[in-house]
Amino acid sequence: MIYSYFNKRNVHNPATETVMIEFAANRNQLKGSIQLIDLTGKVIHYVSISQWQKKYLFPVNNIRSGLYFIRYLDDEGHMDIQKLIINQE
């Protein structure tokens, strides 16, 4: 089964200062976490997400330009990953 927790129309690329992450309605009852991961698999940023939280403003202004992944993982082990390009010019 494929779970889609991100509201994909709200993850804009490239990002320069912040990324507003909006969650789809099907994850409202679950706690989880968001991780920003670089291409080597290193977790650059981690934040816990509470039940019923619908949005998270992800700061990226102190992160180097490059290709990253935003991974959402809920308490039941379901995961969703989105590509994020950060451009700090």
PDB file of N, CA and C in Angstrom:
ATOM      1  N   MET A   1       0.842  -1.176   0.000  1.00  0.00           N
ATOM      2  CA  MET A   1       0.000   0.000   0.000  1.00  0.00           C
ATOM      3  C   MET A   1       0.890   1.243   0.000  1.00  0.00           C
ATOM      4  N   ILE A   2       0.539   2.213  -0.786  1.00  0.00           N
ATOM      5  CA  ILE A   2       1.297   3.460  -0.867  1.00  0.00           C
ATOM      6  C   ILE A   2       0.595   4.521  -0.036  1.00  0.00           C
ATOM      7  N   TYR A   3       1.343   5.150   0.848  1.00  0.00           N
ATOM      8  CA  TYR A   3       0.820   6.223   1.681  1.00  0.00           C
ATOM      9  C   TYR A   3       1.388   7.537   1.186  1.00  0.00           C
ATOM     10  N   SER A   4       0.560   8.522   0.992  1.00  0.00           N
ATOM     11  CA  SER A   4       1.030   9.842   0.613  1.00  0.00           C
ATOM     12  C   SER A   4       0.618  10.818   1.701  1.00  0.00           C
ATOM     13  N   TYR A   5       1.594  11.267   2.472  1.00  0.00           N
ATOM     14  CA  TYR A   5       1.313  12.148   3.594  1.00  0.00           C
ATOM     15  C   TYR A   5       1.539  13.611   3.264  1.00  0.00           C
ATOM     16  N   PHE A   6       2.335  13.901   2.239  1.00  0.00           N
ATOM     17  CA  PHE A   6       2.577  15.281   1.862  1.00  0.00           C
ATOM     18  C   PHE A   6       1.493  15.763   0.923  1.00  0.00           C
ATOM     19  N   ASN A   7       1.107  17.016   1.092  1.00  0.00           N
ATOM     20  CA  ASN A   7       0.258  17.673   0.119  1.00  0.00           C
ATOM     21  C   ASN A   7       1.226  18.192  -0.944  1.00  0.00           C
ATOM     22  N   LYS A   8       1.455  17.431  -1.983  1.00  0.00           N
ATOM     23  CA  LYS A   8       2.567  17.645  -2.911  1.00  0.00           C
ATOM     24  C   LYS A   8       2.566  19.007  -3.597  1.00  0.00           C
ATOM     25  N   ARG A   9       1.446  19.624  -3.754  1.00  0.00           N
ATOM     26  CA  ARG A   9       1.426  20.920  -4.439  1.00  0.00           C
ATOM     27  C   ARG A   9       2.076  22.020  -3.620  1.00  0.00           C
ATOM     28  N   ASN A  10       2.405  21.758  -2.357  1.00  0.00           N
ATOM     29  CA  ASN A  10       2.965  22.783  -1.499  1.00  0.00           C
ATOM     30  C   ASN A  10       4.461  22.625  -1.242  1.00  0.00           C
ATOM     31  N   VAL A  11       5.108  21.631  -1.821  1.00  0.00           N
ATOM     32  CA  VAL A  11       6.557  21.476  -1.704  1.00  0.00           C
ATOM     33  C   VAL A  11       7.168  22.087  -2.965  1.00  0.00           C
ATOM     34  N   HIS A  12       7.637  23.337  -2.846  1.00  0.00           N
ATOM     35  CA  HIS A  12       8.134  24.075  -4.005  1.00  0.00           C
ATOM     36  C   HIS A  12       9.651  23.968  -4.110  1.00  0.00           C
ATOM     37  N   ASN A  13      10.132  23.818  -5.323  1.00  0.00           N
ATOM     38  CA  ASN A  13      11.562  23.747  -5.601  1.00  0.00           C
ATOM     39  C   ASN A  13      11.929  24.821  -6.604  1.00  0.00           C
ATOM     40  N   PRO A  14      13.067  25.471  -6.484  1.00  0.00           N
ATOM     41  CA  PRO A  14      14.004  25.355  -5.357  1.00  0.00           C
ATOM     42  C   PRO A  14      13.568  26.230  -4.180  1.00  0.00           C
ATOM     43  N   ALA A  15      14.042  25.876  -2.997  1.00  0.00           N
ATOM     44  CA  ALA A  15      13.764  26.636  -1.779  1.00  0.00           C
ATOM     45  C   ALA A  15      14.981  27.487  -1.432  1.00  0.00           C
ATOM     46  N   THR A  16      14.745  28.642  -0.827  1.00  0.00           N
ATOM     47  CA  THR A  16      15.852  29.514  -0.445  1.00  0.00           C
ATOM     48  C   THR A  16      15.867  29.825   1.049  1.00  0.00           C
ATOM     49  N   GLU A  17      14.711  30.040   1.657  1.00  0.00           N
ATOM     50  CA  GLU A  17      14.671  30.397   3.073  1.00  0.00           C
ATOM     51  C   GLU A  17      13.862  29.412   3.909  1.00  0.00           C
ATOM     52  N   THR A  18      12.643  29.145   3.491  1.00  0.00           N
ATOM     53  CA  THR A  18      11.777  28.211   4.214  1.00  0.00           C
ATOM     54  C   THR A  18      10.975  27.375   3.230  1.00  0.00           C
ATOM     55  N   VAL A  19      10.499  26.245   3.720  1.00  0.00           N
ATOM     56  CA  VAL A  19       9.599  25.393   2.957  1.00  0.00           C
ATOM     57  C   VAL A  19       8.383  25.133   3.838  1.00  0.00           C
ATOM     58  N   MET A  20       7.215  25.470   3.346  1.00  0.00           N
ATOM     59  CA  MET A  20       5.987  25.169   4.068  1.00  0.00           C
ATOM     60  C   MET A  20       5.547  23.774   3.655  1.00  0.00           C
ATOM     61  N   ILE A  21       5.500  22.883   4.626  1.00  0.00           N
ATOM     62  CA  ILE A  21       5.065  21.518   4.366  1.00  0.00           C
ATOM     63  C   ILE A  21       3.646  21.385   4.898  1.00  0.00           C
ATOM     64  N   GLU A  22       2.732  21.035   4.009  1.00  0.00           N
ATOM     65  CA  GLU A  22       1.357  20.779   4.407  1.00  0.00           C
ATOM     66  C   GLU A  22       1.107  19.289   4.263  1.00  0.00           C
ATOM     67  N   PHE A  23       0.444  18.721   5.255  1.00  0.00           N
ATOM     68  CA  PHE A  23       0.193  17.290   5.257  1.00  0.00           C
ATOM     69  C   PHE A  23      -1.184  16.990   4.716  1.00  0.00           C
ATOM     70  N   ALA A  24      -1.302  15.858   4.057  1.00  0.00           N
ATOM     71  CA  ALA A  24      -2.595  15.390   3.571  1.00  0.00           C
ATOM     72  C   ALA A  24      -3.448  14.965   4.764  1.00  0.00           C
ATOM     73  N   ALA A  25      -4.739  14.946   4.573  1.00  0.00           N
ATOM     74  CA  ALA A  25      -5.679  14.664   5.669  1.00  0.00           C
ATOM     75  C   ALA A  25      -5.515  13.262   6.243  1.00  0.00           C
ATOM     76  N   ASN A  26      -4.961  12.325   5.477  1.00  0.00           N
ATOM     77  CA  ASN A  26      -4.905  10.938   5.944  1.00  0.00           C
ATOM     78  C   ASN A  26      -3.841  10.675   7.004  1.00  0.00           C
ATOM     79  N   ARG A  27      -3.088  11.688   7.466  1.00  0.00           N
ATOM     80  CA  ARG A  27      -2.114  11.454   8.521  1.00  0.00           C
ATOM     81  C   ARG A  27      -2.475  12.183   9.811  1.00  0.00           C
ATOM     82  N   ASN A  28      -3.643  12.783   9.874  1.00  0.00           N
ATOM     83  CA  ASN A  28      -4.015  13.625  11.010  1.00  0.00           C
ATOM     84  C   ASN A  28      -3.965  12.943  12.368  1.00  0.00           C
ATOM     85  N   GLN A  29      -4.253  11.669  12.441  1.00  0.00           N
ATOM     86  CA  GLN A  29      -4.333  11.010  13.739  1.00  0.00           C
ATOM     87  C   GLN A  29      -3.006  10.396  14.171  1.00  0.00           C
ATOM     88  N   LEU A  30      -1.951  10.592  13.425  1.00  0.00           N
ATOM     89  CA  LEU A  30      -0.680   9.956  13.732  1.00  0.00           C
ATOM     90  C   LEU A  30       0.393  10.964  14.104  1.00  0.00           C
ATOM     91  N   LYS A  31       1.202  10.595  15.079  1.00  0.00           N
ATOM     92  CA  LYS A  31       2.407  11.363  15.373  1.00  0.00           C
ATOM     93  C   LYS A  31       3.479  10.900  14.399  1.00  0.00           C
ATOM     94  N   GLY A  32       4.487  11.740  14.192  1.00  0.00           N
ATOM     95  CA  GLY A  32       5.538  11.347  13.268  1.00  0.00           C
ATOM     96  C   GLY A  32       6.729  12.259  13.370  1.00  0.00           C
ATOM     97  N   SER A  33       7.574  12.189  12.357  1.00  0.00           N
ATOM     98  CA  SER A  33       8.756  13.043  12.311  1.00  0.00           C
ATOM     99  C   SER A  33       9.046  13.433  10.876  1.00  0.00           C
ATOM    100  N   ILE A  34       9.727  14.568  10.737  1.00  0.00           N
ATOM    101  CA  ILE A  34      10.214  15.020   9.446  1.00  0.00           C
ATOM    102  C   ILE A  34      11.728  15.070   9.544  1.00  0.00           C
ATOM    103  N   GLN A  35      12.381  14.545   8.518  1.00  0.00           N
ATOM    104  CA  GLN A  35      13.834  14.570   8.453  1.00  0.00           C
ATOM    105  C   GLN A  35      14.265  15.175   7.130  1.00  0.00           C
ATOM    106  N   LEU A  36      15.284  16.024   7.186  1.00  0.00           N
ATOM    107  CA  LEU A  36      15.931  16.517   5.977  1.00  0.00           C
ATOM    108  C   LEU A  36      17.198  15.698   5.827  1.00  0.00           C
ATOM    109  N   ILE A  37      17.343  15.036   4.677  1.00  0.00           N
ATOM    110  CA  ILE A  37      18.431  14.084   4.462  1.00  0.00           C
ATOM    111  C   ILE A  37      19.237  14.507   3.244  1.00  0.00           C
ATOM    112  N   ASP A  38      20.568  14.482   3.362  1.00  0.00           N
ATOM    113  CA  ASP A  38      21.405  14.817   2.202  1.00  0.00           C
ATOM    114  C   ASP A  38      21.615  13.579   1.336  1.00  0.00           C
ATOM    115  N   LEU A  39      22.363  13.733   0.249  1.00  0.00           N
ATOM    116  CA  LEU A  39      22.541  12.630  -0.704  1.00  0.00           C
ATOM    117  C   LEU A  39      23.370  11.476  -0.157  1.00  0.00           C
ATOM    118  N   THR A  40      24.106  11.699   0.920  1.00  0.00           N
ATOM    119  CA  THR A  40      24.879  10.612   1.532  1.00  0.00           C
ATOM    120  C   THR A  40      24.047   9.828   2.544  1.00  0.00           C
ATOM    121  N   GLY A  41      22.826  10.297   2.823  1.00  0.00           N
ATOM    122  CA  GLY A  41      21.957   9.636   3.784  1.00  0.00           C
ATOM    123  C   GLY A  41      22.026  10.232   5.185  1.00  0.00           C
ATOM    124  N   LYS A  42      22.822  11.275   5.345  1.00  0.00           N
ATOM    125  CA  LYS A  42      22.964  11.920   6.649  1.00  0.00           C
ATOM    126  C   LYS A  42      21.738  12.777   6.944  1.00  0.00           C
ATOM    127  N   VAL A  43      21.204  12.638   8.170  1.00  0.00           N
ATOM    128  CA  VAL A  43      20.072  13.452   8.595  1.00  0.00           C
ATOM    129  C   VAL A  43      20.600  14.824   9.001  1.00  0.00           C
ATOM    130  N   ILE A  44      20.178  15.856   8.279  1.00  0.00           N
ATOM    131  CA  ILE A  44      20.629  17.228   8.500  1.00  0.00           C
ATOM    132  C   ILE A  44      19.755  17.937   9.534  1.00  0.00           C
ATOM    133  N   HIS A  45      18.473  17.633   9.522  1.00  0.00           N
ATOM    134  CA  HIS A  45      17.516  18.289  10.425  1.00  0.00           C
ATOM    135  C   HIS A  45      16.429  17.280  10.768  1.00  0.00           C
ATOM    136  N   TYR A  46      15.972  17.307  12.033  1.00  0.00           N
ATOM    137  CA  TYR A  46      14.950  16.373  12.499  1.00  0.00           C
ATOM    138  C   TYR A  46      13.958  17.141  13.362  1.00  0.00           C
ATOM    139  N   VAL A  47      12.682  16.871  13.185  1.00  0.00           N
ATOM    140  CA  VAL A  47      11.660  17.493  14.027  1.00  0.00           C
ATOM    141  C   VAL A  47      10.506  16.506  14.213  1.00  0.00           C
ATOM    142  N   SER A  48       9.966  16.465  15.438  1.00  0.00           N
ATOM    143  CA  SER A  48       8.786  15.644  15.720  1.00  0.00           C
ATOM    144  C   SER A  48       7.535  16.410  15.337  1.00  0.00           C
ATOM    145  N   ILE A  49       6.550  15.688  14.829  1.00  0.00           N
ATOM    146  CA  ILE A  49       5.279  16.265  14.417  1.00  0.00           C
ATOM    147  C   ILE A  49       4.186  15.658  15.282  1.00  0.00           C
ATOM    148  N   SER A  50       3.354  16.513  15.860  1.00  0.00           N
ATOM    149  CA  SER A  50       2.300  16.043  16.756  1.00  0.00           C
ATOM    150  C   SER A  50       1.055  15.615  15.982  1.00  0.00           C
ATOM    151  N   GLN A  51       0.170  14.909  16.684  1.00  0.00           N
ATOM    152  CA  GLN A  51      -1.114  14.553  16.096  1.00  0.00           C
ATOM    153  C   GLN A  51      -1.843  15.806  15.663  1.00  0.00           C
ATOM    154  N   TRP A  52      -2.570  15.714  14.605  1.00  0.00           N
ATOM    155  CA  TRP A  52      -3.438  16.767  14.104  1.00  0.00           C
ATOM    156  C   TRP A  52      -2.690  17.977  13.552  1.00  0.00           C
ATOM    157  N   GLN A  53      -1.352  17.973  13.584  1.00  0.00           N
ATOM    158  CA  GLN A  53      -0.601  19.093  13.011  1.00  0.00           C
ATOM    159  C   GLN A  53      -0.723  19.030  11.499  1.00  0.00           C
ATOM    160  N   LYS A  54      -1.174  20.125  10.896  1.00  0.00           N
ATOM    161  CA  LYS A  54      -1.443  20.128   9.457  1.00  0.00           C
ATOM    162  C   LYS A  54      -0.336  20.779   8.639  1.00  0.00           C
ATOM    163  N   LYS A  55       0.505  21.602   9.284  1.00  0.00           N
ATOM    164  CA  LYS A  55       1.557  22.313   8.567  1.00  0.00           C
ATOM    165  C   LYS A  55       2.824  22.365   9.409  1.00  0.00           C
ATOM    166  N   TYR A  56       3.943  22.501   8.716  1.00  0.00           N
ATOM    167  CA  TYR A  56       5.209  22.742   9.392  1.00  0.00           C
ATOM    168  C   TYR A  56       6.038  23.663   8.501  1.00  0.00           C
ATOM    169  N   LEU A  57       6.554  24.736   9.080  1.00  0.00           N
ATOM    170  CA  LEU A  57       7.424  25.656   8.357  1.00  0.00           C
ATOM    171  C   LEU A  57       8.861  25.204   8.584  1.00  0.00           C
ATOM    172  N   PHE A  58       9.481  24.706   7.537  1.00  0.00           N
ATOM    173  CA  PHE A  58      10.804  24.095   7.609  1.00  0.00           C
ATOM    174  C   PHE A  58      11.853  25.137   7.222  1.00  0.00           C
ATOM    175  N   PRO A  59      12.720  25.566   8.149  1.00  0.00           N
ATOM    176  CA  PRO A  59      13.741  26.565   7.818  1.00  0.00           C
ATOM    177  C   PRO A  59      14.904  25.927   7.050  1.00  0.00           C
ATOM    178  N   VAL A  60      15.270  26.520   5.928  1.00  0.00           N
ATOM    179  CA  VAL A  60      16.393  26.001   5.138  1.00  0.00           C
ATOM    180  C   VAL A  60      17.441  27.080   4.837  1.00  0.00           C
ATOM    181  N   ASN A  61      17.290  28.267   5.440  1.00  0.00           N
ATOM    182  CA  ASN A  61      18.182  29.378   5.108  1.00  0.00           C
ATOM    183  C   ASN A  61      19.621  29.160   5.574  1.00  0.00           C
ATOM    184  N   ASN A  62      19.870  28.239   6.506  1.00  0.00           N
ATOM    185  CA  ASN A  62      21.228  27.957   6.969  1.00  0.00           C
ATOM    186  C   ASN A  62      21.779  26.651   6.419  1.00  0.00           C
ATOM    187  N   ILE A  63      21.139  26.111   5.399  1.00  0.00           N
ATOM    188  CA  ILE A  63      21.556  24.845   4.815  1.00  0.00           C
ATOM    189  C   ILE A  63      22.148  25.112   3.438  1.00  0.00           C
ATOM    190  N   ARG A  64      23.260  24.456   3.147  1.00  0.00           N
ATOM    191  CA  ARG A  64      23.962  24.671   1.880  1.00  0.00           C
ATOM    192  C   ARG A  64      23.113  24.264   0.687  1.00  0.00           C
ATOM    193  N   SER A  65      23.367  24.927  -0.427  1.00  0.00           N
ATOM    194  CA  SER A  65      22.677  24.603  -1.675  1.00  0.00           C
ATOM    195  C   SER A  65      22.930  23.150  -2.050  1.00  0.00           C
ATOM    196  N   GLY A  66      21.910  22.524  -2.623  1.00  0.00           N
ATOM    197  CA  GLY A  66      22.070  21.146  -3.070  1.00  0.00           C
ATOM    198  C   GLY A  66      20.749  20.415  -3.127  1.00  0.00           C
ATOM    199  N   LEU A  67      20.857  19.139  -3.417  1.00  0.00           N
ATOM    200  CA  LEU A  67      19.694  18.261  -3.508  1.00  0.00           C
ATOM    201  C   LEU A  67      19.549  17.508  -2.188  1.00  0.00           C
ATOM    202  N   TYR A  68      18.343  17.516  -1.643  1.00  0.00           N
ATOM    203  CA  TYR A  68      18.038  16.858  -0.380  1.00  0.00           C
ATOM    204  C   TYR A  68      16.730  16.104  -0.520  1.00  0.00           C
ATOM    205  N   PHE A  69      16.416  15.349   0.507  1.00  0.00           N
ATOM    206  CA  PHE A  69      15.142  14.658   0.583  1.00  0.00           C
ATOM    207  C   PHE A  69      14.472  15.010   1.902  1.00  0.00           C
ATOM    208  N   ILE A  70      13.157  15.245   1.845  1.00  0.00           N
ATOM    209  CA  ILE A  70      12.359  15.429   3.046  1.00  0.00           C
ATOM    210  C   ILE A  70      11.623  14.116   3.256  1.00  0.00           C
ATOM    211  N   ARG A  71      11.855  13.511   4.418  1.00  0.00           N
ATOM    212  CA  ARG A  71      11.216  12.221   4.720  1.00  0.00           C
ATOM    213  C   ARG A  71      10.259  12.386   5.899  1.00  0.00           C
ATOM    214  N   TYR A  72       9.014  11.966   5.701  1.00  0.00           N
ATOM    215  CA  TYR A  72       8.048  11.912   6.784  1.00  0.00           C
ATOM    216  C   TYR A  72       7.909  10.459   7.198  1.00  0.00           C
ATOM    217  N   LEU A  73       7.992  10.196   8.504  1.00  0.00           N
ATOM    218  CA  LEU A  73       7.837   8.844   9.032  1.00  0.00           C
ATOM    219  C   LEU A  73       6.853   8.902  10.191  1.00  0.00           C
ATOM    220  N   ASP A  74       5.780   8.093  10.131  1.00  0.00           N
ATOM    221  CA  ASP A  74       4.813   8.122  11.226  1.00  0.00           C
ATOM    222  C   ASP A  74       5.114   7.024  12.241  1.00  0.00           C
ATOM    223  N   ASP A  75       4.368   7.030  13.343  1.00  0.00           N
ATOM    224  CA  ASP A  75       4.592   6.086  14.428  1.00  0.00           C
ATOM    225  C   ASP A  75       4.291   4.643  14.055  1.00  0.00           C
ATOM    226  N   GLU A  76       3.577   4.438  12.954  1.00  0.00           N
ATOM    227  CA  GLU A  76       3.285   3.079  12.500  1.00  0.00           C
ATOM    228  C   GLU A  76       4.294   2.588  11.464  1.00  0.00           C
ATOM    229  N   GLY A  77       5.287   3.409  11.143  1.00  0.00           N
ATOM    230  CA  GLY A  77       6.336   3.002  10.213  1.00  0.00           C
ATOM    231  C   GLY A  77       6.077   3.343   8.761  1.00  0.00           C
ATOM    232  N   HIS A  78       4.975   4.035   8.455  1.00  0.00           N
ATOM    233  CA  HIS A  78       4.702   4.448   7.082  1.00  0.00           C
ATOM    234  C   HIS A  78       5.556   5.669   6.751  1.00  0.00           C
ATOM    235  N   MET A  79       5.986   5.753   5.509  1.00  0.00           N
ATOM    236  CA  MET A  79       6.937   6.779   5.116  1.00  0.00           C
ATOM    237  C   MET A  79       6.532   7.422   3.796  1.00  0.00           C
ATOM    238  N   ASP A  80       6.882   8.695   3.653  1.00  0.00           N
ATOM    239  CA  ASP A  80       6.715   9.416   2.387  1.00  0.00           C
ATOM    240  C   ASP A  80       7.956  10.274   2.214  1.00  0.00           C
ATOM    241  N   ILE A  81       8.471  10.333   1.002  1.00  0.00           N
ATOM    242  CA  ILE A  81       9.702  11.078   0.718  1.00  0.00           C
ATOM    243  C   ILE A  81       9.465  12.017  -0.452  1.00  0.00           C
ATOM    244  N   GLN A  82       9.960  13.243  -0.314  1.00  0.00           N
ATOM    245  CA  GLN A  82       9.900  14.227  -1.392  1.00  0.00           C
ATOM    246  C   GLN A  82      11.283  14.802  -1.639  1.00  0.00           C
ATOM    247  N   LYS A  83      11.569  15.089  -2.888  1.00  0.00           N
ATOM    248  CA  LYS A  83      12.843  15.728  -3.261  1.00  0.00           C
ATOM    249  C   LYS A  83      12.761  17.212  -2.950  1.00  0.00           C
ATOM    250  N   LEU A  84      13.861  17.778  -2.458  1.00  0.00           N
ATOM    251  CA  LEU A  84      13.925  19.213  -2.176  1.00  0.00           C
ATOM    252  C   LEU A  84      15.247  19.753  -2.703  1.00  0.00           C
ATOM    253  N   ILE A  85      15.167  20.791  -3.498  1.00  0.00           N
ATOM    254  CA  ILE A  85      16.351  21.492  -3.987  1.00  0.00           C
ATOM    255  C   ILE A  85      16.478  22.785  -3.204  1.00  0.00           C
ATOM    256  N   ILE A  86      17.638  22.998  -2.603  1.00  0.00           N
ATOM    257  CA  ILE A  86      17.909  24.231  -1.876  1.00  0.00           C
ATOM    258  C   ILE A  86      18.903  25.030  -2.692  1.00  0.00           C
ATOM    259  N   ASN A  87      18.578  26.308  -2.916  1.00  0.00           N
ATOM    260  CA  ASN A  87      19.420  27.175  -3.743  1.00  0.00           C
ATOM    261  C   ASN A  87      19.729  28.447  -2.950  1.00  0.00           C
ATOM    262  N   GLN A  88      20.922  28.544  -2.409  1.00  0.00           N
ATOM    263  CA  GLN A  88      21.344  29.689  -1.603  1.00  0.00           C
ATOM    264  C   GLN A  88      22.290  30.570  -2.436  1.00  0.00           C
ATOM    265  N   GLU A  89      21.754  31.373  -3.306  1.00  0.00           N
ATOM    266  CA  GLU A  89      22.590  32.248  -4.126  1.00  0.00           C
ATOM    267  C   GLU A  89      22.719  33.613  -3.517  1.00  0.00           C
TER     268      GLU A  89
END
